[in-house]
Protein backbone atom coordinates (compact mmCIF):
# COMPACT_ATOMS: atom_id res chain seq x y z
CA MET A 1 -36.68 -28.43 2.33
CA ASP A 2 -40.43 -28.20 2.94
CA LEU A 3 -41.67 -26.22 -0.05
CA THR A 4 -44.86 -25.29 1.82
CA ILE A 5 -42.99 -22.48 3.60
CA LEU A 6 -42.14 -20.84 0.23
CA PHE A 7 -45.52 -21.13 -1.47
CA SER A 8 -49.06 -19.83 -1.07
CA PRO A 9 -51.98 -22.04 -2.19
CA ILE A 10 -53.86 -21.05 -5.31
CA ASP A 11 -56.84 -18.73 -4.85
CA GLU A 12 -59.93 -20.40 -3.39
CA THR A 13 -62.14 -19.09 -6.19
CA ILE A 14 -59.95 -20.91 -8.70
CA TYR A 15 -59.62 -24.06 -6.62
CA ASN A 16 -63.36 -24.30 -5.85
CA ALA A 17 -64.63 -23.43 -9.33
CA GLU A 18 -66.73 -25.93 -11.28
CA TYR A 19 -64.62 -27.98 -13.72
CA PRO A 20 -65.78 -30.83 -15.99
CA ALA A 21 -64.42 -34.31 -15.29
CA ASN A 22 -62.32 -34.18 -18.48
CA SER A 23 -60.80 -30.78 -17.70
CA PHE A 24 -57.12 -30.02 -17.24
CA PHE A 25 -57.78 -29.16 -13.59
CA ARG A 26 -59.30 -32.56 -12.81
CA SER A 27 -56.22 -34.29 -14.27
CA ILE A 28 -53.59 -32.64 -12.06
CA ARG A 29 -52.86 -32.19 -8.32
CA VAL A 30 -52.92 -28.62 -7.05
CA TYR A 31 -51.95 -26.80 -3.87
CA GLY A 32 -55.37 -25.93 -2.55
CA GLU A 33 -55.86 -27.48 0.87
CA LYS A 34 -52.40 -29.06 1.08
CA MET A 35 -49.15 -29.06 -0.89
CA PRO A 36 -49.06 -31.95 -3.39
CA ASP A 37 -46.09 -34.30 -3.42
CA TYR A 38 -43.84 -33.10 -6.22
CA LYS A 39 -41.01 -35.64 -6.02
CA ASN A 40 -42.71 -38.25 -8.20
CA ALA A 41 -44.30 -35.76 -10.59
CA GLN A 42 -43.16 -35.10 -14.16
CA LEU A 43 -44.14 -31.42 -14.44
CA ALA A 44 -44.68 -28.73 -11.79
CA ILE A 45 -46.49 -25.44 -12.41
CA ILE A 46 -45.18 -22.51 -10.32
CA GLY A 47 -46.89 -19.12 -10.15
CA LEU A 48 -44.64 -16.05 -9.86
CA VAL A 49 -46.04 -12.83 -8.39
CA GLU A 50 -42.79 -10.82 -8.44
CA GLU A 51 -42.84 -7.61 -10.49
CA ARG A 52 -40.16 -5.46 -8.85
CA GLY A 53 -37.95 -6.14 -11.87
CA THR A 54 -40.06 -3.89 -14.08
CA THR A 55 -41.35 -0.34 -14.03
CA SER A 56 -42.84 -0.40 -17.53
CA ASN A 57 -45.17 -3.39 -17.05
CA LEU A 58 -46.44 -3.12 -13.48
CA GLY A 59 -49.32 -5.53 -13.01
CA CYS A 60 -47.50 -8.58 -14.39
CA GLY A 61 -47.32 -9.95 -10.84
CA LYS A 62 -51.04 -10.75 -11.11
CA GLY A 63 -50.66 -12.89 -14.22
CA ALA A 64 -50.28 -16.41 -12.82
CA ASP A 65 -53.83 -16.79 -11.47
CA GLU A 66 -55.43 -15.38 -14.62
CA ILE A 67 -53.48 -17.90 -16.71
CA ARG A 68 -54.64 -20.68 -14.38
CA LYS A 69 -58.29 -19.69 -14.83
CA LYS A 70 -57.96 -20.30 -18.57
CA LEU A 71 -55.64 -23.31 -18.40
CA PHE A 72 -57.68 -25.25 -15.85
CA HIS A 73 -60.80 -25.08 -18.03
CA LEU A 74 -59.06 -26.59 -21.08
CA LYS A 75 -59.53 -30.27 -21.82
CA LYS A 76 -56.94 -32.81 -20.74
CA GLY A 77 -54.56 -33.74 -23.55
CA THR A 78 -53.03 -37.08 -24.44
CA GLY A 79 -50.79 -39.06 -22.13
CA LYS A 80 -51.06 -40.05 -18.50
CA TYR A 81 -50.72 -36.73 -16.72
CA ASN A 82 -48.48 -36.57 -13.67
CA ILE A 83 -48.57 -32.82 -13.07
CA VAL A 84 -48.65 -30.74 -9.90
CA ASP A 85 -49.41 -27.07 -9.33
CA LEU A 86 -47.38 -25.87 -6.36
CA GLY A 87 -49.21 -22.54 -6.04
CA ASN A 88 -47.58 -19.10 -6.03
CA LEU A 89 -44.01 -18.56 -4.85
CA GLN A 90 -43.94 -15.99 -2.04
CA LEU A 91 -41.94 -12.81 -2.54
CA GLY A 92 -38.46 -12.46 -1.13
CA ILE A 93 -37.47 -9.51 1.04
CA ASP A 94 -35.99 -7.97 -2.10
CA LEU A 95 -35.73 -8.88 -5.77
CA GLU A 96 -32.42 -10.70 -5.34
CA GLU A 97 -33.93 -12.96 -2.70
CA THR A 98 -36.79 -13.81 -5.06
CA TYR A 99 -34.20 -14.86 -7.66
CA VAL A 100 -32.60 -17.09 -5.03
CA ARG A 101 -35.96 -18.63 -4.12
CA ILE A 102 -36.74 -19.37 -7.77
CA SER A 103 -33.29 -20.91 -8.29
CA GLU A 104 -33.61 -23.05 -5.17
CA VAL A 105 -37.05 -24.36 -6.15
CA CYS A 106 -35.92 -25.05 -9.72
CA ARG A 107 -32.81 -26.82 -8.44
CA MET A 108 -34.86 -29.08 -6.17
CA LEU A 109 -37.28 -29.93 -8.97
CA LEU A 110 -34.53 -30.56 -11.51
CA GLU A 111 -32.73 -32.85 -9.07
CA SER A 112 -35.97 -34.84 -8.75
CA ASN A 113 -36.28 -34.95 -12.56
CA VAL A 114 -39.37 -32.72 -12.42
CA LEU A 115 -39.75 -30.06 -15.13
CA PRO A 116 -40.72 -26.65 -13.67
CA ILE A 117 -43.18 -24.50 -15.65
CA LEU A 118 -42.95 -20.92 -14.35
CA ILE A 119 -45.86 -18.60 -15.10
CA GLY A 120 -46.27 -14.89 -14.41
CA GLY A 121 -44.00 -12.10 -13.23
CA SER A 122 -41.41 -10.02 -15.08
CA HIS A 123 -38.93 -11.46 -17.57
CA ASP A 124 -35.88 -10.91 -15.37
CA LEU A 125 -37.10 -13.81 -13.20
CA ASP A 126 -35.57 -16.16 -15.76
CA TYR A 127 -32.27 -15.28 -14.07
CA GLY A 128 -33.48 -17.35 -11.11
CA GLN A 129 -34.63 -20.07 -13.50
CA TYR A 130 -31.15 -20.16 -15.06
CA ALA A 131 -29.39 -20.13 -11.67
CA GLY A 132 -31.27 -23.32 -10.77
CA TYR A 133 -28.86 -25.18 -13.08
CA GLU A 134 -25.71 -23.92 -11.33
CA ASP A 135 -25.01 -27.03 -9.25
CA MET A 136 -25.76 -29.53 -12.02
CA GLU A 137 -22.16 -29.57 -13.30
CA LYS A 138 -23.18 -29.38 -16.94
CA LEU A 139 -23.23 -26.79 -19.67
CA ILE A 140 -26.71 -25.73 -20.69
CA SER A 141 -28.29 -24.17 -23.76
CA LEU A 142 -30.85 -21.39 -23.33
CA LEU A 143 -33.70 -20.52 -25.70
CA ASN A 144 -35.19 -17.04 -25.27
CA VAL A 145 -38.25 -15.82 -27.18
CA ASP A 146 -38.63 -12.03 -27.02
CA ALA A 147 -39.18 -9.01 -29.25
CA PHE A 148 -36.23 -7.33 -27.49
CA LEU A 149 -32.71 -8.59 -26.75
CA ASP A 150 -32.67 -7.23 -23.15
CA LEU A 151 -28.93 -6.58 -23.23
CA GLU A 152 -29.10 -3.02 -21.86
CA GLU A 153 -26.41 -1.83 -19.44
CA GLY A 154 -26.12 0.90 -16.85
CA LYS A 155 -27.76 2.24 -13.71
CA GLY A 156 -31.42 3.16 -13.74
CA ILE A 157 -32.37 0.52 -16.31
CA GLU A 158 -35.04 -1.86 -15.06
CA PRO A 159 -33.83 -5.44 -14.50
CA SER A 160 -36.29 -6.85 -17.04
CA LYS A 161 -34.42 -4.95 -19.79
CA GLN A 162 -30.93 -6.11 -18.82
CA HIS A 163 -31.43 -9.63 -17.45
CA ILE A 164 -29.86 -11.35 -20.48
CA HIS A 165 -26.75 -9.21 -20.05
CA LYS A 166 -26.66 -10.22 -16.37
CA LEU A 167 -27.17 -13.85 -17.31
CA LEU A 168 -24.34 -13.85 -19.85
CA LEU A 169 -21.98 -12.40 -17.23
CA HIS A 170 -23.04 -14.83 -14.50
CA GLU A 171 -20.21 -16.60 -12.70
CA PRO A 172 -19.57 -19.47 -12.77
CA ASN A 173 -20.30 -19.55 -16.48
CA TYR A 174 -22.11 -22.74 -17.49
CA LEU A 175 -23.91 -21.38 -20.55
CA PHE A 176 -22.91 -23.39 -23.63
CA SER A 177 -25.21 -21.75 -26.15
CA TYR A 178 -27.84 -19.04 -26.34
CA THR A 179 -30.54 -18.82 -28.99
CA HIS A 180 -32.85 -15.83 -29.35
CA LEU A 181 -36.06 -16.08 -31.37
CA ALA A 182 -38.42 -13.45 -32.76
CA HIS A 183 -36.62 -10.18 -32.05
CA GLN A 184 -37.61 -7.19 -34.16
CA SER A 185 -34.68 -5.38 -35.77
CA TYR A 186 -36.04 -1.84 -35.34
CA LEU A 187 -36.24 -2.45 -31.56
CA VAL A 188 -32.69 -3.74 -31.24
CA ASP A 189 -29.34 -1.95 -31.06
CA PRO A 190 -27.16 -3.43 -33.87
CA LEU A 191 -24.24 -3.48 -31.42
CA SER A 192 -26.17 -5.84 -29.14
CA ALA A 193 -26.90 -8.18 -32.05
CA SER A 194 -23.23 -8.14 -33.06
CA ILE A 195 -22.20 -9.09 -29.49
CA LEU A 196 -24.30 -12.24 -29.72
CA GLU A 197 -22.79 -13.01 -33.12
CA LYS A 198 -19.22 -12.63 -31.81
CA LEU A 199 -20.04 -15.08 -29.03
CA TYR A 200 -21.29 -17.56 -31.66
CA PHE A 201 -24.80 -17.27 -30.24
CA GLU A 202 -27.82 -17.34 -32.54
CA ALA A 203 -30.45 -14.63 -32.97
CA TYR A 204 -33.31 -15.05 -35.43
CA ARG A 205 -35.44 -12.08 -36.46
CA ILE A 206 -39.20 -12.42 -36.60
CA GLY A 207 -38.97 -12.31 -40.42
CA GLN A 208 -36.50 -15.22 -40.53
CA LEU A 209 -38.66 -17.23 -38.19
CA ARG A 210 -41.85 -16.57 -40.12
CA THR A 211 -40.30 -17.48 -43.47
CA ASN A 212 -39.79 -21.06 -42.33
CA LEU A 213 -40.77 -21.83 -38.74
CA SER A 214 -39.90 -25.51 -39.16
CA GLU A 215 -36.23 -24.49 -39.71
CA MET A 216 -36.24 -23.09 -36.16
CA GLU A 217 -37.11 -26.52 -34.74
CA PRO A 218 -33.46 -27.75 -34.49
CA ALA A 219 -32.51 -24.61 -32.51
CA ILE A 220 -35.47 -25.19 -30.20
CA ARG A 221 -34.56 -28.90 -29.91
CA ASN A 222 -31.08 -27.95 -28.72
CA ALA A 223 -32.28 -26.03 -25.63
CA ASP A 224 -32.20 -27.07 -21.98
CA MET A 225 -34.22 -24.07 -20.84
CA LEU A 226 -37.04 -22.01 -22.41
CA SER A 227 -37.71 -18.39 -21.45
CA PHE A 228 -40.73 -16.84 -23.24
CA ASP A 229 -41.58 -13.14 -23.00
CA ILE A 230 -45.18 -12.53 -24.05
CA THR A 231 -44.01 -9.27 -25.68
CA ALA A 232 -42.88 -11.45 -28.60
CA ILE A 233 -46.56 -12.00 -29.54
CA LYS A 234 -48.29 -9.24 -31.52
CA SER A 235 -50.71 -7.03 -29.63
CA SER A 236 -53.80 -8.10 -31.60
CA ASP A 237 -53.28 -11.66 -30.30
CA ALA A 238 -51.84 -10.74 -26.89
CA PRO A 239 -52.75 -7.22 -25.71
CA GLY A 240 -52.06 -8.09 -22.06
CA ASN A 241 -48.70 -6.37 -21.79
CA ALA A 242 -47.82 -2.70 -21.33
CA ASN A 243 -45.13 -3.09 -24.01
CA ALA A 244 -47.34 -5.00 -26.49
CA LEU A 245 -46.42 -4.31 -30.12
CA PRO A 246 -48.43 -4.39 -33.38
CA PHE A 247 -45.98 -6.82 -35.00
CA GLY A 248 -44.69 -10.13 -33.71
CA LEU A 249 -45.59 -13.79 -33.45
CA THR A 250 -49.15 -14.91 -33.94
CA GLY A 251 -50.77 -16.97 -31.21
CA GLU A 252 -50.54 -20.00 -33.49
CA GLU A 253 -46.80 -19.49 -34.06
CA ALA A 254 -46.24 -19.15 -30.30
CA CYS A 255 -48.09 -22.44 -29.76
CA GLN A 256 -45.98 -24.11 -32.47
CA ILE A 257 -42.78 -23.02 -30.71
CA CYS A 258 -44.13 -24.41 -27.43
CA TRP A 259 -45.05 -27.69 -29.13
CA TYR A 260 -41.48 -28.03 -30.45
CA ALA A 261 -40.07 -27.10 -27.03
CA GLY A 262 -42.24 -29.64 -25.23
CA GLN A 263 -41.08 -32.40 -27.57
CA ASN A 264 -37.44 -31.54 -26.90
CA GLU A 265 -36.12 -34.32 -24.66
CA LYS A 266 -33.27 -32.11 -23.43
CA LEU A 267 -35.48 -29.28 -22.27
CA SER A 268 -35.92 -29.36 -18.48
CA SER A 269 -37.54 -26.01 -17.55
CA ALA A 270 -39.84 -23.42 -19.11
CA GLY A 271 -40.89 -19.92 -18.11
CA PHE A 272 -43.69 -17.70 -19.47
CA TYR A 273 -43.27 -14.08 -18.38
CA GLU A 274 -44.61 -10.50 -18.64
CA TYR A 275 -48.35 -11.19 -18.86
CA ASN A 276 -50.22 -8.21 -17.39
CA PRO A 277 -53.96 -8.80 -16.74
CA ASP A 278 -54.49 -5.05 -16.21
CA LYS A 279 -53.68 -4.48 -19.90
CA ASP A 280 -55.69 -7.44 -21.23
CA ASP A 281 -59.11 -7.15 -22.84
CA GLU A 282 -62.38 -7.99 -21.07
CA ARG A 283 -62.30 -11.63 -22.13
CA LYS A 284 -58.67 -12.03 -21.03
CA LYS A 285 -57.59 -13.00 -24.53
CA THR A 286 -53.89 -12.99 -23.67
CA ALA A 287 -54.42 -15.36 -20.74
CA SER A 288 -56.19 -17.72 -23.16
CA VAL A 289 -53.27 -17.56 -25.60
CA ILE A 290 -50.71 -18.29 -22.85
CA ALA A 291 -52.84 -21.10 -21.41
CA THR A 292 -53.01 -22.66 -24.87
CA MET A 293 -49.24 -22.28 -25.29
CA ILE A 294 -48.69 -24.11 -22.00
CA TRP A 295 -51.21 -26.77 -23.07
CA TYR A 296 -49.24 -27.35 -26.30
CA PHE A 297 -45.95 -27.41 -24.38
CA ILE A 298 -47.35 -30.13 -22.11
CA GLU A 299 -48.83 -31.97 -25.09
CA GLY A 300 -45.38 -31.91 -26.73
CA TYR A 301 -43.86 -33.24 -23.51
CA TYR A 302 -46.16 -36.26 -23.60
CA HIS A 303 -45.17 -36.90 -27.22
CA ARG A 304 -41.43 -37.21 -26.49
CA LYS A 305 -39.86 -40.17 -28.32
CA ASN A 306 -36.68 -40.71 -26.26
CA GLU A 307 -34.50 -40.49 -29.36
CA THR A 308 -30.99 -40.66 -27.93
CA ASN A 309 -29.43 -43.91 -29.19
CA PHE A 310 -28.20 -42.91 -32.63
CA ARG A 311 -26.59 -46.32 -33.21
CA SER A 312 -29.93 -48.13 -32.91
CA ASN A 313 -32.04 -49.39 -35.80
CA ASP A 314 -34.42 -46.46 -35.22
CA PHE A 315 -32.02 -44.19 -37.12
CA LEU A 316 -30.77 -43.93 -40.69
CA LYS A 317 -27.15 -42.83 -41.11
CA TYR A 318 -26.10 -40.60 -44.01
CA VAL A 319 -22.40 -39.95 -44.72
CA VAL A 320 -21.68 -37.04 -47.07
CA SER A 321 -18.25 -36.62 -48.71
CA MET A 322 -17.00 -33.04 -48.62
CA PRO A 323 -14.54 -31.34 -51.04
CA SER A 324 -12.37 -30.05 -48.15
CA LYS A 325 -11.99 -30.50 -44.42
CA PRO A 326 -13.85 -32.10 -42.82
CA GLU A 327 -13.63 -34.91 -45.34
CA VAL A 328 -17.08 -36.23 -44.42
CA LEU A 329 -20.17 -35.06 -42.56
CA THR A 330 -22.34 -37.64 -40.82
CA PHE A 331 -26.07 -37.16 -40.42
CA PHE A 332 -28.68 -39.21 -38.57
CA LYS A 333 -32.39 -39.30 -39.35
CA SER A 334 -34.98 -40.76 -37.01
CA LYS A 335 -37.30 -43.30 -38.63
CA VAL A 336 -39.91 -42.46 -35.99
CA SER A 337 -40.04 -38.65 -35.94
CA GLU A 338 -38.09 -37.96 -39.18
CA LYS A 339 -35.95 -35.40 -37.31
CA TRP A 340 -32.30 -34.90 -38.26
CA TRP A 341 -29.03 -34.67 -36.31
CA LEU A 342 -25.47 -33.81 -37.34
CA GLU A 343 -22.31 -35.31 -35.86
CA ILE A 344 -19.57 -32.80 -35.04
CA VAL A 345 -16.01 -34.10 -34.65
CA THR A 346 -13.55 -31.70 -33.00
CA HIS A 347 -9.83 -32.14 -32.29
CA LYS A 348 -8.70 -30.10 -29.31
CA PRO A 349 -4.93 -29.49 -29.00
CA GLY A 350 -3.33 -32.03 -26.67
CA ALA A 351 -6.40 -34.28 -26.59
CA LYS A 352 -5.66 -37.97 -27.16
CA TYR A 353 -8.91 -38.64 -28.98
CA PRO A 354 -11.26 -36.47 -31.05
CA ARG A 355 -14.51 -35.37 -29.46
CA ASN A 356 -17.76 -36.42 -31.07
CA THR A 357 -20.89 -34.37 -30.43
CA ILE A 358 -24.29 -34.83 -32.06
CA VAL A 359 -26.39 -31.69 -32.51
CA PRO A 360 -29.92 -31.20 -33.88
CA CYS A 361 -30.15 -30.06 -37.49
CA SER A 362 -32.65 -30.04 -40.36
CA TYR A 363 -33.07 -31.71 -43.73
CA ALA A 364 -32.00 -28.39 -45.29
CA ASP A 365 -28.60 -28.77 -43.57
CA TYR A 366 -28.22 -32.20 -45.15
CA GLN A 367 -29.13 -30.75 -48.55
CA THR A 368 -26.53 -27.99 -48.11
CA ALA A 369 -23.83 -30.57 -47.28
CA SER A 370 -24.87 -32.65 -50.31
CA LYS A 371 -23.97 -29.64 -52.48
CA GLY A 372 -20.46 -29.62 -51.00
CA GLU A 373 -21.10 -26.64 -48.70
CA LEU A 374 -20.72 -26.52 -44.93
CA PRO A 375 -24.04 -25.77 -43.20
CA ASP A 376 -24.06 -22.66 -41.01
CA ARG A 377 -25.21 -24.86 -38.14
CA TYR A 378 -22.01 -26.93 -38.47
CA ILE A 379 -19.77 -23.84 -38.49
CA SER A 380 -21.51 -22.42 -35.43
CA ALA A 381 -21.33 -25.70 -33.51
CA VAL A 382 -17.60 -26.15 -34.22
CA ALA A 383 -16.91 -22.58 -33.05
CA LYS A 384 -18.69 -23.25 -29.75
CA LEU A 385 -16.99 -26.60 -29.18
CA ALA A 386 -13.48 -25.44 -30.11
């Protein structure tokens, strides 16, 4: 498919602005005069102007270009950039068609091993991002960062408040795990949180995350897809959202999450949603925060270590004897990044051989096992794999 028919070039005022030679803009290829070739790229920025999925944050369809204005003026990071900006995806006849367009573009990029970075629009557009994985014949893990759980049901509720519910019910079901970061308990129905728990999905409150952000890294490292709602960032750092809240992530914490996500070798798409320029301050502070988050995500991407061969000399193996089943737990630690993984062995009824799966974990999980206790991460992983 010729993607030119689905996209509009970026605004001339952005394309023709003055940028220093060492700027982000000068290091990438953008859709200004002609569509750049995406097939050999590593990352592709896609602007989303769709906002029919929200009634509470109208204006978020204008967010992509404002983010670009800030991002393009940042300095180029490390690594040999191979990044394209495909411009803004044109609206479908209705919201459902826009979802289809997003899924089709994401599918094409993923098949070419290009990581899509979606910017702008309402949070329900991550349904299209998720649907892009449908034909890949693999189970995926989703990481969602949001102050709300967005599991509402019923008629009359805007799609951006029920998209996670729609995503969980999507058929065919290829969602292996779902991790939610930074929700705020007083904004969440306890029943919704219990539904995630019964499904063996993970949900971490803002307080849990803030206590030890580094402990969230294994959950982030396990994701194939990142969906980030700017509502998760507190209003003093990101006022550009009609639903901005006084409590939430700091801009620095949001950038740290994006750094971890970029480093994750599994992660193959990212979306940054719900930025509303109409609600931002005069200096467009929120756009600067999001641009910096994307910069850190890309910086993390160019610091990936390709740590997949756990039998190589780049890893240390730790075997911990347990007082009950399983008799041992096996951990791997990278000599390069010092990150940890845990081997899960499951025995499905009727299977000839046990199944071995290696999942990200932390040093704290190894310490827990050393005390003779099963880490929560192990229990959760076994429940999902059973």
